[in-house]
Structure formats: C-alpha cells, structure tokens
Amino acid sequence: MPLIENPITLTPKIKKSRGSVTMSFYDALRKVSQGKTITRISWGNKDYCLMKDGWLTIYTKGDFHSWIVNDGDMEGNDWVIAKELN
C-alpha cells in the first residue's frame, strides 16, 4: 500500500440514497477492509486510519503507528470515510 503523505478532508457530500454520512466503528472497519481510509469527526480532520502493510494503522502526530483500538473508538458513531487531497 502506498504511503499517504497528503492531508485529508472529510467526504464532502453524501447522496440522499446512501443515508447518513457517519457510521459505527464496525461499519467503518468494513470500509478499511475494502481499502478505504477512515477518520472520526471528533478527531478534527487531522488523524486517520487505514490498512498499511497488512496492519490496522493510524496516522497521528505526523507519523504512522499500529492502531490499538480502544472502547471509545468502538463506541463512536461519528466515523466517516476520509478523502485524500490532491
């Protein structure tokens, strides 16, 4: 998987037929397994998560780290698909 060095933005619009833009952690995790990058609205658009080299990875504080999921992550319902800036 290529290294993502660009900042990200939240997915700008959701089509009405798709429903809500936010999702549960478990729905977001399914998106990661499909190759998507996810973030939480509460993270303020600076940290994000993805699969990198076969590991669930979080980009935070300017670097990639193995993501140790906690109960706050699992209980969150403000997950969204992140979109890379060009």
C-alpha atoms as a PDB file:
ATOM      1  CA  MET A   1       0.000   0.000   0.000  1.00  0.00           C
ATOM      2  CA  PRO A   2       1.443   3.400  -0.934  1.00  0.00           C
ATOM      3  CA  LEU A   3       2.333   5.834   1.811  1.00  0.00           C
ATOM      4  CA  ILE A   4      -0.274   8.571   2.178  1.00  0.00           C
ATOM      5  CA  GLU A   5       1.522  11.828   2.814  1.00  0.00           C
ATOM      6  CA  ASN A   6      -1.192  14.292   1.814  1.00  0.00           C
ATOM      7  CA  PRO A   7      -3.628  15.816   4.290  1.00  0.00           C
ATOM      8  CA  ILE A   8      -7.176  14.515   4.189  1.00  0.00           C
ATOM      9  CA  THR A   9     -10.637  16.016   4.184  1.00  0.00           C
ATOM     10  CA  LEU A  10     -13.953  14.538   5.128  1.00  0.00           C
ATOM     11  CA  THR A  11     -16.059  13.182   2.306  1.00  0.00           C
ATOM     12  CA  PRO A  12     -17.827  16.375   1.183  1.00  0.00           C
ATOM     13  CA  LYS A  13     -21.359  15.197   0.360  1.00  0.00           C
ATOM     14  CA  ILE A  14     -23.384  12.074   0.702  1.00  0.00           C
ATOM     15  CA  LYS A  15     -26.098  11.208  -1.797  1.00  0.00           C
ATOM     16  CA  LYS A  16     -29.575  11.030  -0.304  1.00  0.00           C
ATOM     17  CA  SER A  17     -29.927   7.406  -1.389  1.00  0.00           C
ATOM     18  CA  ARG A  18     -26.861   6.488   0.704  1.00  0.00           C
ATOM     19  CA  GLY A  19     -28.235   7.626   4.078  1.00  0.00           C
ATOM     20  CA  SER A  20     -26.144   9.161   6.834  1.00  0.00           C
ATOM     21  CA  VAL A  21     -22.543  10.255   6.267  1.00  0.00           C
ATOM     22  CA  THR A  22     -21.443   8.926   9.680  1.00  0.00           C
ATOM     23  CA  MET A  23     -21.201   5.272  10.631  1.00  0.00           C
ATOM     24  CA  SER A  24     -20.429   2.985  13.523  1.00  0.00           C
ATOM     25  CA  PHE A  25     -16.931   1.705  14.197  1.00  0.00           C
ATOM     26  CA  TYR A  26     -17.843  -1.725  12.849  1.00  0.00           C
ATOM     27  CA  ASP A  27     -19.172  -0.274   9.586  1.00  0.00           C
ATOM     28  CA  ALA A  28     -16.041   1.871   9.331  1.00  0.00           C
ATOM     29  CA  LEU A  29     -13.843  -1.170   9.912  1.00  0.00           C
ATOM     30  CA  ARG A  30     -15.556  -2.906   6.990  1.00  0.00           C
ATOM     31  CA  LYS A  31     -14.638   0.111   4.848  1.00  0.00           C
ATOM     32  CA  VAL A  32     -10.995  -0.197   5.927  1.00  0.00           C
ATOM     33  CA  SER A  33     -11.012  -3.862   4.891  1.00  0.00           C
ATOM     34  CA  GLN A  34     -12.222  -2.644   1.459  1.00  0.00           C
ATOM     35  CA  GLY A  35      -9.215  -0.326   1.151  1.00  0.00           C
ATOM     36  CA  LYS A  36     -10.814   2.908   2.373  1.00  0.00           C
ATOM     37  CA  THR A  37      -9.281   5.387   4.791  1.00  0.00           C
ATOM     38  CA  ILE A  38     -11.438   6.364   7.776  1.00  0.00           C
ATOM     39  CA  THR A  39     -11.467   9.084  10.405  1.00  0.00           C
ATOM     40  CA  ARG A  40     -13.720  10.406  13.149  1.00  0.00           C
ATOM     41  CA  ILE A  41     -15.379  13.795  13.061  1.00  0.00           C
ATOM     42  CA  SER A  42     -14.365  14.252  16.710  1.00  0.00           C
ATOM     43  CA  TRP A  43     -10.686  13.931  15.695  1.00  0.00           C
ATOM     44  CA  GLY A  44     -10.864  17.310  13.972  1.00  0.00           C
ATOM     45  CA  ASN A  45      -9.796  16.189  10.489  1.00  0.00           C
ATOM     46  CA  LYS A  46      -6.121  15.516  11.299  1.00  0.00           C
ATOM     47  CA  ASP A  47      -5.833  11.812  12.190  1.00  0.00           C
ATOM     48  CA  TYR A  48      -6.961   8.877  10.055  1.00  0.00           C
ATOM     49  CA  CYS A  49      -6.838   5.091   9.885  1.00  0.00           C
ATOM     50  CA  LEU A  50      -6.124   2.615   7.106  1.00  0.00           C
ATOM     51  CA  MET A  51      -4.603  -0.774   6.344  1.00  0.00           C
ATOM     52  CA  LYS A  52      -0.871  -0.377   5.747  1.00  0.00           C
ATOM     53  CA  ASP A  53       1.436  -3.325   5.127  1.00  0.00           C
ATOM     54  CA  GLY A  54      -1.264  -5.677   6.422  1.00  0.00           C
ATOM     55  CA  TRP A  55      -1.705  -3.818   9.730  1.00  0.00           C
ATOM     56  CA  LEU A  56      -4.503  -1.651  11.017  1.00  0.00           C
ATOM     57  CA  THR A  57      -2.681   1.678  11.149  1.00  0.00           C
ATOM     58  CA  ILE A  58      -3.417   5.165  12.469  1.00  0.00           C
ATOM     59  CA  TYR A  59      -1.785   8.348  11.216  1.00  0.00           C
ATOM     60  CA  THR A  60      -1.443  10.714  14.168  1.00  0.00           C
ATOM     61  CA  LYS A  61       1.106  13.232  15.413  1.00  0.00           C
ATOM     62  CA  GLY A  62       2.783  13.294  11.999  1.00  0.00           C
ATOM     63  CA  ASP A  63       3.557   9.572  11.688  1.00  0.00           C
ATOM     64  CA  PHE A  64       2.022   6.120  11.207  1.00  0.00           C
ATOM     65  CA  HIS A  65       1.534   3.830  14.219  1.00  0.00           C
ATOM     66  CA  SER A  66      -0.039   0.431  14.860  1.00  0.00           C
ATOM     67  CA  TRP A  67      -3.555   1.240  15.935  1.00  0.00           C
ATOM     68  CA  ILE A  68      -4.579  -0.120  19.313  1.00  0.00           C
ATOM     69  CA  VAL A  69      -8.357   0.196  19.237  1.00  0.00           C
ATOM     70  CA  ASN A  70      -9.994   1.269  22.492  1.00  0.00           C
ATOM     71  CA  ASP A  71     -13.564   1.278  23.790  1.00  0.00           C
ATOM     72  CA  GLY A  72     -14.031   4.933  22.776  1.00  0.00           C
ATOM     73  CA  ASP A  73     -13.199   4.017  19.185  1.00  0.00           C
ATOM     74  CA  MET A  74     -15.579   1.063  19.215  1.00  0.00           C
ATOM     75  CA  GLU A  75     -18.433   3.036  20.767  1.00  0.00           C
ATOM     76  CA  GLY A  76     -18.053   6.011  18.413  1.00  0.00           C
ATOM     77  CA  ASN A  77     -20.737   6.636  15.812  1.00  0.00           C
ATOM     78  CA  ASP A  78     -19.025   9.582  14.116  1.00  0.00           C
ATOM     79  CA  TRP A  79     -16.821   7.593  11.725  1.00  0.00           C
ATOM     80  CA  VAL A  80     -16.577   8.803   8.129  1.00  0.00           C
ATOM     81  CA  ILE A  81     -14.600   7.888   5.038  1.00  0.00           C
ATOM     82  CA  ALA A  82     -11.647  10.240   4.639  1.00  0.00           C
ATOM     83  CA  LYS A  83     -10.689  11.618   1.245  1.00  0.00           C
ATOM     84  CA  GLU A  84      -7.124  12.404   0.260  1.00  0.00           C
ATOM     85  CA  LEU A  85      -6.384  15.892  -1.057  1.00  0.00           C
ATOM     86  CA  ASN A  86      -4.755  16.082  -4.479  1.00  0.00           C
END
